[in-house]
Amino acid sequence: MALSDDDVRHVARLAQLDLTDDEITALAPQLAEILAYAEKVSEVAAADVPPTSHPYPLRNVFRDDAVVAEPLSPEVVVANAPDAEDLQFRVPKIMGESS
C-alpha cells in the first residue's frame, strides 16, 4: 500500500507532529510498512478462536482463610504497651494541634 505525502501529513496532523517535507517523504514508506503489518494481524483473527484477556489460563491464587493460631487476648496485646488504660492503647492527644 503506497501512501501519498498528503496521507502522511494527515497522520502527522492527527498526531500533532510538525514534520518537514523531507521527513514526510522519508516516513511515507515506513508508515506504509506499519499499515501492512496491521493488515496481516487482521488476517490472523479467526471466528473459531475465542477472545481472551490473557494468554495463560488464570486461577484463583488466594489461600484458604483459616485461623492459624488462637487470637491474642486483649490483656496480652496491651501488656507491653508503653501506656494502656482499660485494655486500650493510650496515645498523646493530637487534635487541635497545628503543624
PDB file of N, CA and C in Angstrom:
ATOM      1  N   MET A   1       0.847  -1.173   0.000  1.00  0.00           N
ATOM      2  CA  MET A   1       0.000   0.000   0.000  1.00  0.00           C
ATOM      3  C   MET A   1       0.894   1.237   0.000  1.00  0.00           C
ATOM      4  N   ALA A   2       0.831   1.992  -1.046  1.00  0.00           N
ATOM      5  CA  ALA A   2       1.619   3.219  -1.149  1.00  0.00           C
ATOM      6  C   ALA A   2       0.819   4.380  -0.562  1.00  0.00           C
ATOM      7  N   LEU A   3       1.500   5.185   0.208  1.00  0.00           N
ATOM      8  CA  LEU A   3       0.854   6.347   0.822  1.00  0.00           C
ATOM      9  C   LEU A   3       1.353   7.622   0.165  1.00  0.00           C
ATOM     10  N   SER A   4       0.464   8.540  -0.008  1.00  0.00           N
ATOM     11  CA  SER A   4       0.864   9.830  -0.578  1.00  0.00           C
ATOM     12  C   SER A   4       1.383  10.725   0.539  1.00  0.00           C
ATOM     13  N   ASP A   5       2.033  11.803   0.145  1.00  0.00           N
ATOM     14  CA  ASP A   5       2.517  12.768   1.125  1.00  0.00           C
ATOM     15  C   ASP A   5       1.352  13.390   1.903  1.00  0.00           C
ATOM     16  N   ASP A   6       0.205  13.534   1.240  1.00  0.00           N
ATOM     17  CA  ASP A   6      -0.974  14.081   1.918  1.00  0.00           C
ATOM     18  C   ASP A   6      -1.462  13.138   3.018  1.00  0.00           C
ATOM     19  N   ASP A   7      -1.383  11.826   2.762  1.00  0.00           N
ATOM     20  CA  ASP A   7      -1.769  10.854   3.791  1.00  0.00           C
ATOM     21  C   ASP A   7      -0.866  10.981   5.020  1.00  0.00           C
ATOM     22  N   VAL A   8       0.424  11.098   4.773  1.00  0.00           N
ATOM     23  CA  VAL A   8       1.385  11.225   5.873  1.00  0.00           C
ATOM     24  C   VAL A   8       1.159  12.544   6.610  1.00  0.00           C
ATOM     25  N   ARG A   9       0.885  13.618   5.880  1.00  0.00           N
ATOM     26  CA  ARG A   9       0.599  14.909   6.524  1.00  0.00           C
ATOM     27  C   ARG A   9      -0.642  14.803   7.420  1.00  0.00           C
ATOM     28  N   HIS A  10      -1.648  14.077   6.923  1.00  0.00           N
ATOM     29  CA  HIS A  10      -2.874  13.904   7.701  1.00  0.00           C
ATOM     30  C   HIS A  10      -2.598  13.157   9.011  1.00  0.00           C
ATOM     31  N   VAL A  11      -1.846  12.072   8.933  1.00  0.00           N
ATOM     32  CA  VAL A  11      -1.494  11.306  10.133  1.00  0.00           C
ATOM     33  C   VAL A  11      -0.648  12.167  11.069  1.00  0.00           C
ATOM     34  N   ALA A  12       0.282  12.922  10.519  1.00  0.00           N
ATOM     35  CA  ALA A  12       1.122  13.801  11.339  1.00  0.00           C
ATOM     36  C   ALA A  12       0.271  14.864  12.026  1.00  0.00           C
ATOM     37  N   ARG A  13      -0.710  15.380  11.325  1.00  0.00           N
ATOM     38  CA  ARG A  13      -1.590  16.395  11.921  1.00  0.00           C
ATOM     39  C   ARG A  13      -2.409  15.774  13.060  1.00  0.00           C
ATOM     40  N   LEU A  14      -2.902  14.552  12.870  1.00  0.00           N
ATOM     41  CA  LEU A  14      -3.648  13.864  13.924  1.00  0.00           C
ATOM     42  C   LEU A  14      -2.778  13.604  15.149  1.00  0.00           C
ATOM     43  N   ALA A  15      -1.513  13.306  14.899  1.00  0.00           N
ATOM     44  CA  ALA A  15      -0.573  13.060  15.998  1.00  0.00           C
ATOM     45  C   ALA A  15       0.047  14.344  16.529  1.00  0.00           C
ATOM     46  N   GLN A  16      -0.380  15.461  15.978  1.00  0.00           N
ATOM     47  CA  GLN A  16       0.124  16.781  16.364  1.00  0.00           C
ATOM     48  C   GLN A  16       1.642  16.858  16.222  1.00  0.00           C
ATOM     49  N   LEU A  17       2.117  16.384  15.067  1.00  0.00           N
ATOM     50  CA  LEU A  17       3.542  16.441  14.743  1.00  0.00           C
ATOM     51  C   LEU A  17       3.757  17.471  13.647  1.00  0.00           C
ATOM     52  N   ASP A  18       4.783  18.244  13.816  1.00  0.00           N
ATOM     53  CA  ASP A  18       5.150  19.234  12.806  1.00  0.00           C
ATOM     54  C   ASP A  18       6.338  18.668  12.031  1.00  0.00           C
ATOM     55  N   LEU A  19       6.060  18.117  10.846  1.00  0.00           N
ATOM     56  CA  LEU A  19       7.107  17.461  10.060  1.00  0.00           C
ATOM     57  C   LEU A  19       7.489  18.315   8.864  1.00  0.00           C
ATOM     58  N   THR A  20       8.768  18.227   8.509  1.00  0.00           N
ATOM     59  CA  THR A  20       9.248  18.906   7.311  1.00  0.00           C
ATOM     60  C   THR A  20       8.892  18.054   6.094  1.00  0.00           C
ATOM     61  N   ASP A  21       9.023  18.623   4.910  1.00  0.00           N
ATOM     62  CA  ASP A  21       8.732  17.878   3.680  1.00  0.00           C
ATOM     63  C   ASP A  21       9.664  16.679   3.530  1.00  0.00           C
ATOM     64  N   ASP A  22      10.928  16.842   3.926  1.00  0.00           N
ATOM     65  CA  ASP A  22      11.885  15.726   3.847  1.00  0.00           C
ATOM     66  C   ASP A  22      11.465  14.593   4.790  1.00  0.00           C
ATOM     67  N   GLU A  23      11.008  14.949   5.976  1.00  0.00           N
ATOM     68  CA  GLU A  23      10.579  13.933   6.936  1.00  0.00           C
ATOM     69  C   GLU A  23       9.320  13.210   6.431  1.00  0.00           C
ATOM     70  N   ILE A  24       8.423  13.940   5.813  1.00  0.00           N
ATOM     71  CA  ILE A  24       7.209  13.330   5.276  1.00  0.00           C
ATOM     72  C   ILE A  24       7.564  12.338   4.173  1.00  0.00           C
ATOM     73  N   THR A  25       8.483  12.711   3.309  1.00  0.00           N
ATOM     74  CA  THR A  25       8.905  11.821   2.227  1.00  0.00           C
ATOM     75  C   THR A  25       9.587  10.576   2.795  1.00  0.00           C
ATOM     76  N   ALA A  26      10.390  10.746   3.842  1.00  0.00           N
ATOM     77  CA  ALA A  26      11.093   9.608   4.439  1.00  0.00           C
ATOM     78  C   ALA A  26      10.141   8.702   5.225  1.00  0.00           C
ATOM     79  N   LEU A  27       9.108   9.266   5.829  1.00  0.00           N
ATOM     80  CA  LEU A  27       8.208   8.478   6.669  1.00  0.00           C
ATOM     81  C   LEU A  27       7.117   7.755   5.885  1.00  0.00           C
ATOM     82  N   ALA A  28       6.849   8.177   4.661  1.00  0.00           N
ATOM     83  CA  ALA A  28       5.784   7.546   3.872  1.00  0.00           C
ATOM     84  C   ALA A  28       5.986   6.043   3.709  1.00  0.00           C
ATOM     85  N   PRO A  29       7.174   5.563   3.300  1.00  0.00           N
ATOM     86  CA  PRO A  29       7.326   4.106   3.171  1.00  0.00           C
ATOM     87  C   PRO A  29       7.273   3.385   4.519  1.00  0.00           C
ATOM     88  N   GLN A  30       7.765   4.033   5.571  1.00  0.00           N
ATOM     89  CA  GLN A  30       7.733   3.403   6.893  1.00  0.00           C
ATOM     90  C   GLN A  30       6.294   3.249   7.388  1.00  0.00           C
ATOM     91  N   LEU A  31       5.490   4.279   7.199  1.00  0.00           N
ATOM     92  CA  LEU A  31       4.088   4.217   7.603  1.00  0.00           C
ATOM     93  C   LEU A  31       3.339   3.174   6.779  1.00  0.00           C
ATOM     94  N   ALA A  32       3.658   3.059   5.502  1.00  0.00           N
ATOM     95  CA  ALA A  32       3.033   2.043   4.657  1.00  0.00           C
ATOM     96  C   ALA A  32       3.376   0.640   5.159  1.00  0.00           C
ATOM     97  N   GLU A  33       4.604   0.449   5.613  1.00  0.00           N
ATOM     98  CA  GLU A  33       5.021  -0.848   6.150  1.00  0.00           C
ATOM     99  C   GLU A  33       4.296  -1.166   7.453  1.00  0.00           C
ATOM    100  N   ILE A  34       4.110  -0.164   8.291  1.00  0.00           N
ATOM    101  CA  ILE A  34       3.365  -0.359   9.541  1.00  0.00           C
ATOM    102  C   ILE A  34       1.927  -0.771   9.241  1.00  0.00           C
ATOM    103  N   LEU A  35       1.307  -0.117   8.283  1.00  0.00           N
ATOM    104  CA  LEU A  35      -0.069  -0.457   7.918  1.00  0.00           C
ATOM    105  C   LEU A  35      -0.155  -1.862   7.324  1.00  0.00           C
ATOM    106  N   ALA A  36       0.866  -2.282   6.597  1.00  0.00           N
ATOM    107  CA  ALA A  36       0.887  -3.638   6.043  1.00  0.00           C
ATOM    108  C   ALA A  36       0.934  -4.666   7.174  1.00  0.00           C
ATOM    109  N   TYR A  37       1.710  -4.402   8.230  1.00  0.00           N
ATOM    110  CA  TYR A  37       1.744  -5.301   9.389  1.00  0.00           C
ATOM    111  C   TYR A  37       0.377  -5.356  10.068  1.00  0.00           C
ATOM    112  N   ALA A  38      -0.296  -4.213  10.171  1.00  0.00           N
ATOM    113  CA  ALA A  38      -1.628  -4.182  10.783  1.00  0.00           C
ATOM    114  C   ALA A  38      -2.617  -5.013   9.967  1.00  0.00           C
ATOM    115  N   GLU A  39      -2.493  -4.991   8.658  1.00  0.00           N
ATOM    116  CA  GLU A  39      -3.372  -5.807   7.817  1.00  0.00           C
ATOM    117  C   GLU A  39      -3.107  -7.286   8.049  1.00  0.00           C
ATOM    118  N   LYS A  40      -1.838  -7.671   8.235  1.00  0.00           N
ATOM    119  CA  LYS A  40      -1.514  -9.076   8.489  1.00  0.00           C
ATOM    120  C   LYS A  40      -2.120  -9.541   9.808  1.00  0.00           C
ATOM    121  N   VAL A  41      -2.119  -8.678  10.800  1.00  0.00           N
ATOM    122  CA  VAL A  41      -2.690  -9.040  12.095  1.00  0.00           C
ATOM    123  C   VAL A  41      -4.187  -9.289  11.956  1.00  0.00           C
ATOM    124  N   SER A  42      -4.867  -8.495  11.164  1.00  0.00           N
ATOM    125  CA  SER A  42      -6.306  -8.689  10.988  1.00  0.00           C
ATOM    126  C   SER A  42      -6.609  -9.992  10.252  1.00  0.00           C
ATOM    127  N   GLU A  43      -5.675 -10.494   9.453  1.00  0.00           N
ATOM    128  CA  GLU A  43      -5.869 -11.761   8.764  1.00  0.00           C
ATOM    129  C   GLU A  43      -5.810 -12.939   9.738  1.00  0.00           C
ATOM    130  N   VAL A  44      -5.078 -12.803  10.816  1.00  0.00           N
ATOM    131  CA  VAL A  44      -4.884 -13.899  11.761  1.00  0.00           C
ATOM    132  C   VAL A  44      -6.152 -14.187  12.546  1.00  0.00           C
ATOM    133  N   ALA A  45      -6.927 -13.171  12.869  1.00  0.00           N
ATOM    134  CA  ALA A  45      -8.130 -13.370  13.666  1.00  0.00           C
ATOM    135  C   ALA A  45      -9.083 -14.317  12.950  1.00  0.00           C
ATOM    136  N   ALA A  46      -9.526 -15.335  13.686  1.00  0.00           N
ATOM    137  CA  ALA A  46     -10.423 -16.329  13.100  1.00  0.00           C
ATOM    138  C   ALA A  46     -11.674 -16.441  13.962  1.00  0.00           C
ATOM    139  N   ALA A  47     -12.756 -16.868  13.347  1.00  0.00           N
ATOM    140  CA  ALA A  47     -14.033 -16.976  14.062  1.00  0.00           C
ATOM    141  C   ALA A  47     -14.010 -18.094  15.100  1.00  0.00           C
ATOM    142  N   ASP A  48     -13.167 -19.123  14.885  1.00  0.00           N
ATOM    143  CA  ASP A  48     -13.153 -20.244  15.820  1.00  0.00           C
ATOM    144  C   ASP A  48     -12.210 -20.029  17.009  1.00  0.00           C
ATOM    145  N   VAL A  49     -11.536 -18.891  17.072  1.00  0.00           N
ATOM    146  CA  VAL A  49     -10.632 -18.587  18.178  1.00  0.00           C
ATOM    147  C   VAL A  49     -11.361 -17.658  19.143  1.00  0.00           C
ATOM    148  N   PRO A  50     -11.602 -18.117  20.381  1.00  0.00           N
ATOM    149  CA  PRO A  50     -12.325 -17.264  21.319  1.00  0.00           C
ATOM    150  C   PRO A  50     -11.454 -16.086  21.774  1.00  0.00           C
ATOM    151  N   PRO A  51     -12.061 -14.936  22.018  1.00  0.00           N
ATOM    152  CA  PRO A  51     -11.284 -13.805  22.513  1.00  0.00           C
ATOM    153  C   PRO A  51     -10.799 -14.084  23.928  1.00  0.00           C
ATOM    154  N   THR A  52      -9.581 -13.646  24.216  1.00  0.00           N
ATOM    155  CA  THR A  52      -9.010 -13.865  25.545  1.00  0.00           C
ATOM    156  C   THR A  52      -8.449 -12.568  26.077  1.00  0.00           C
ATOM    157  N   SER A  53      -8.385 -12.487  27.388  1.00  0.00           N
ATOM    158  CA  SER A  53      -7.797 -11.303  28.009  1.00  0.00           C
ATOM    159  C   SER A  53      -6.384 -11.587  28.481  1.00  0.00           C
ATOM    160  N   HIS A  54      -6.012 -12.866  28.515  1.00  0.00           N
ATOM    161  CA  HIS A  54      -4.684 -13.247  28.998  1.00  0.00           C
ATOM    162  C   HIS A  54      -4.268 -14.515  28.258  1.00  0.00           C
ATOM    163  N   PRO A  55      -2.999 -14.640  27.873  1.00  0.00           N
ATOM    164  CA  PRO A  55      -2.592 -15.816  27.104  1.00  0.00           C
ATOM    165  C   PRO A  55      -2.536 -17.104  27.916  1.00  0.00           C
ATOM    166  N   TYR A  56      -2.495 -17.013  29.240  1.00  0.00           N
ATOM    167  CA  TYR A  56      -2.409 -18.201  30.083  1.00  0.00           C
ATOM    168  C   TYR A  56      -3.679 -18.337  30.905  1.00  0.00           C
ATOM    169  N   PRO A  57      -4.129 -19.548  31.135  1.00  0.00           N
ATOM    170  CA  PRO A  57      -5.318 -19.707  31.978  1.00  0.00           C
ATOM    171  C   PRO A  57      -4.978 -19.291  33.411  1.00  0.00           C
ATOM    172  N   LEU A  58      -5.809 -18.453  33.971  1.00  0.00           N
ATOM    173  CA  LEU A  58      -5.576 -17.976  35.330  1.00  0.00           C
ATOM    174  C   LEU A  58      -6.488 -18.717  36.296  1.00  0.00           C
ATOM    175  N   ARG A  59      -6.027 -18.852  37.510  1.00  0.00           N
ATOM    176  CA  ARG A  59      -6.852 -19.468  38.542  1.00  0.00           C
ATOM    177  C   ARG A  59      -6.708 -18.626  39.802  1.00  0.00           C
ATOM    178  N   ASN A  60      -7.604 -18.844  40.720  1.00  0.00           N
ATOM    179  CA  ASN A  60      -7.568 -18.118  41.971  1.00  0.00           C
ATOM    180  C   ASN A  60      -6.323 -18.532  42.748  1.00  0.00           C
ATOM    181  N   VAL A  61      -5.526 -17.566  43.164  1.00  0.00           N
ATOM    182  CA  VAL A  61      -4.278 -17.864  43.860  1.00  0.00           C
ATOM    183  C   VAL A  61      -4.351 -17.558  45.347  1.00  0.00           C
ATOM    184  N   PHE A  62      -5.542 -17.273  45.847  1.00  0.00           N
ATOM    185  CA  PHE A  62      -5.680 -16.972  47.261  1.00  0.00           C
ATOM    186  C   PHE A  62      -5.679 -18.257  48.077  1.00  0.00           C
ATOM    187  N   ARG A  63      -5.159 -18.173  49.266  1.00  0.00           N
ATOM    188  CA  ARG A  63      -5.174 -19.330  50.159  1.00  0.00           C
ATOM    189  C   ARG A  63      -6.497 -19.357  50.912  1.00  0.00           C
ATOM    190  N   ASP A  64      -6.796 -20.493  51.527  1.00  0.00           N
ATOM    191  CA  ASP A  64      -7.991 -20.590  52.344  1.00  0.00           C
ATOM    192  C   ASP A  64      -7.868 -19.649  53.536  1.00  0.00           C
ATOM    193  N   ASP A  65      -8.950 -19.039  53.898  1.00  0.00           N
ATOM    194  CA  ASP A  65      -8.964 -18.127  55.028  1.00  0.00           C
ATOM    195  C   ASP A  65      -9.193 -18.943  56.292  1.00  0.00           C
ATOM    196  N   ALA A  66      -8.110 -19.420  56.868  1.00  0.00           N
ATOM    197  CA  ALA A  66      -8.194 -20.272  58.043  1.00  0.00           C
ATOM    198  C   ALA A  66      -7.381 -19.647  59.177  1.00  0.00           C
ATOM    199  N   VAL A  67      -7.859 -19.845  60.395  1.00  0.00           N
ATOM    200  CA  VAL A  67      -7.154 -19.349  61.573  1.00  0.00           C
ATOM    201  C   VAL A  67      -5.961 -20.246  61.817  1.00  0.00           C
ATOM    202  N   VAL A  68      -4.768 -19.649  61.866  1.00  0.00           N
ATOM    203  CA  VAL A  68      -3.545 -20.425  62.043  1.00  0.00           C
ATOM    204  C   VAL A  68      -3.282 -20.675  63.522  1.00  0.00           C
ATOM    205  N   ALA A  69      -3.563 -19.679  64.338  1.00  0.00           N
ATOM    206  CA  ALA A  69      -3.339 -19.804  65.778  1.00  0.00           C
ATOM    207  C   ALA A  69      -4.473 -19.093  66.500  1.00  0.00           C
ATOM    208  N   GLU A  70      -4.571 -19.353  67.771  1.00  0.00           N
ATOM    209  CA  GLU A  70      -5.597 -18.694  68.577  1.00  0.00           C
ATOM    210  C   GLU A  70      -5.280 -17.206  68.657  1.00  0.00           C
ATOM    211  N   PRO A  71      -6.293 -16.352  68.574  1.00  0.00           N
ATOM    212  CA  PRO A  71      -6.042 -14.914  68.685  1.00  0.00           C
ATOM    213  C   PRO A  71      -5.589 -14.547  70.096  1.00  0.00           C
ATOM    214  N   LEU A  72      -4.834 -13.459  70.168  1.00  0.00           N
ATOM    215  CA  LEU A  72      -4.356 -12.995  71.469  1.00  0.00           C
ATOM    216  C   LEU A  72      -5.488 -12.341  72.242  1.00  0.00           C
ATOM    217  N   SER A  73      -5.411 -12.481  73.525  1.00  0.00           N
ATOM    218  CA  SER A  73      -6.409 -11.816  74.364  1.00  0.00           C
ATOM    219  C   SER A  73      -6.048 -10.341  74.482  1.00  0.00           C
ATOM    220  N   PRO A  74      -7.023  -9.468  74.769  1.00  0.00           N
ATOM    221  CA  PRO A  74      -6.723  -8.042  74.926  1.00  0.00           C
ATOM    222  C   PRO A  74      -5.681  -7.777  76.013  1.00  0.00           C
ATOM    223  N   GLU A  75      -5.683  -8.578  77.053  1.00  0.00           N
ATOM    224  CA  GLU A  75      -4.697  -8.390  78.128  1.00  0.00           C
ATOM    225  C   GLU A  75      -3.276  -8.616  77.619  1.00  0.00           C
ATOM    226  N   VAL A  76      -3.095  -9.643  76.808  1.00  0.00           N
ATOM    227  CA  VAL A  76      -1.770  -9.952  76.261  1.00  0.00           C
ATOM    228  C   VAL A  76      -1.338  -8.862  75.285  1.00  0.00           C
ATOM    229  N   VAL A  77      -2.274  -8.357  74.507  1.00  0.00           N
ATOM    230  CA  VAL A  77      -1.950  -7.359  73.496  1.00  0.00           C
ATOM    231  C   VAL A  77      -1.441  -6.073  74.145  1.00  0.00           C
ATOM    232  N   VAL A  78      -2.091  -5.601  75.180  1.00  0.00           N
ATOM    233  CA  VAL A  78      -1.690  -4.327  75.795  1.00  0.00           C
ATOM    234  C   VAL A  78      -0.648  -4.500  76.887  1.00  0.00           C
ATOM    235  N   ALA A  79      -0.222  -5.743  77.145  1.00  0.00           N
ATOM    236  CA  ALA A  79       0.720  -5.995  78.236  1.00  0.00           C
ATOM    237  C   ALA A  79       2.039  -5.250  78.048  1.00  0.00           C
ATOM    238  N   ASN A  80       2.543  -5.135  76.849  1.00  0.00           N
ATOM    239  CA  ASN A  80       3.831  -4.475  76.606  1.00  0.00           C
ATOM    240  C   ASN A  80       3.685  -3.047  76.093  1.00  0.00           C
ATOM    241  N   ALA A  81       2.464  -2.529  76.103  1.00  0.00           N
ATOM    242  CA  ALA A  81       2.255  -1.162  75.625  1.00  0.00           C
ATOM    243  C   ALA A  81       2.886  -0.173  76.596  1.00  0.00           C
ATOM    244  N   PRO A  82       3.470   0.917  76.085  1.00  0.00           N
ATOM    245  CA  PRO A  82       4.061   1.911  76.980  1.00  0.00           C
ATOM    246  C   PRO A  82       3.024   2.543  77.904  1.00  0.00           C
ATOM    247  N   ASP A  83       1.788   2.685  77.404  1.00  0.00           N
ATOM    248  CA  ASP A  83       0.737   3.273  78.227  1.00  0.00           C
ATOM    249  C   ASP A  83      -0.594   2.671  77.784  1.00  0.00           C
ATOM    250  N   ALA A  84      -1.304   2.043  78.720  1.00  0.00           N
ATOM    251  CA  ALA A  84      -2.587   1.427  78.413  1.00  0.00           C
ATOM    252  C   ALA A  84      -3.558   1.725  79.540  1.00  0.00           C
ATOM    253  N   GLU A  85      -4.839   1.803  79.175  1.00  0.00           N
ATOM    254  CA  GLU A  85      -5.876   2.056  80.167  1.00  0.00           C
ATOM    255  C   GLU A  85      -7.146   1.349  79.712  1.00  0.00           C
ATOM    256  N   ASP A  86      -7.771   0.580  80.579  1.00  0.00           N
ATOM    257  CA  ASP A  86      -8.989  -0.162  80.277  1.00  0.00           C
ATOM    258  C   ASP A  86      -8.833  -1.018  79.013  1.00  0.00           C
ATOM    259  N   LEU A  87      -7.712  -1.719  78.914  1.00  0.00           N
ATOM    260  CA  LEU A  87      -7.398  -2.610  77.790  1.00  0.00           C
ATOM    261  C   LEU A  87      -7.365  -1.876  76.446  1.00  0.00           C
ATOM    262  N   GLN A  88      -6.990  -0.611  76.463  1.00  0.00           N
ATOM    263  CA  GLN A  88      -6.842   0.178  75.239  1.00  0.00           C
ATOM    264  C   GLN A  88      -5.485   0.874  75.270  1.00  0.00           C
ATOM    265  N   PHE A  89      -4.922   1.088  74.087  1.00  0.00           N
ATOM    266  CA  PHE A  89      -3.669   1.826  73.991  1.00  0.00           C
ATOM    267  C   PHE A  89      -3.940   3.288  74.289  1.00  0.00           C
ATOM    268  N   ARG A  90      -3.080   3.893  75.060  1.00  0.00           N
ATOM    269  CA  ARG A  90      -3.205   5.305  75.374  1.00  0.00           C
ATOM    270  C   ARG A  90      -2.138   6.047  74.568  1.00  0.00           C
ATOM    271  N   VAL A  91      -2.588   7.038  73.781  1.00  0.00           N
ATOM    272  CA  VAL A  91      -1.686   7.789  72.928  1.00  0.00           C
ATOM    273  C   VAL A  91      -1.835   9.278  73.221  1.00  0.00           C
ATOM    274  N   PRO A  92      -0.852  10.078  72.852  1.00  0.00           N
ATOM    275  CA  PRO A  92      -0.963  11.514  73.085  1.00  0.00           C
ATOM    276  C   PRO A  92      -2.082  12.128  72.263  1.00  0.00           C
ATOM    277  N   LYS A  93      -2.721  13.142  72.810  1.00  0.00           N
ATOM    278  CA  LYS A  93      -3.778  13.852  72.114  1.00  0.00           C
ATOM    279  C   LYS A  93      -3.156  14.673  70.983  1.00  0.00           C
ATOM    280  N   ILE A  94      -3.730  14.586  69.778  1.00  0.00           N
ATOM    281  CA  ILE A  94      -3.182  15.337  68.662  1.00  0.00           C
ATOM    282  C   ILE A  94      -4.205  16.291  68.065  1.00  0.00           C
ATOM    283  N   MET A  95      -5.450  16.202  68.465  1.00  0.00           N
ATOM    284  CA  MET A  95      -6.469  17.072  67.898  1.00  0.00           C
ATOM    285  C   MET A  95      -6.243  18.513  68.354  1.00  0.00           C
ATOM    286  N   GLY A  96      -6.444  19.426  67.448  1.00  0.00           N
ATOM    287  CA  GLY A  96      -6.305  20.838  67.787  1.00  0.00           C
ATOM    288  C   GLY A  96      -4.898  21.372  67.632  1.00  0.00           C
ATOM    289  N   GLU A  97      -3.938  20.487  67.361  1.00  0.00           N
ATOM    290  CA  GLU A  97      -2.566  20.956  67.161  1.00  0.00           C
ATOM    291  C   GLU A  97      -2.410  21.413  65.726  1.00  0.00           C
ATOM    292  N   SER A  98      -1.621  22.442  65.520  1.00  0.00           N
ATOM    293  CA  SER A  98      -1.329  22.882  64.152  1.00  0.00           C
ATOM    294  C   SER A  98       0.075  22.420  63.779  1.00  0.00           C
ATOM    295  N   SER A  99       0.249  22.165  62.498  1.00  0.00           N
ATOM    296  CA  SER A  99       1.570  21.682  62.071  1.00  0.00           C
ATOM    297  C   SER A  99       2.356  22.746  61.405  1.00  0.00           C
TER     298      SER A  99
END
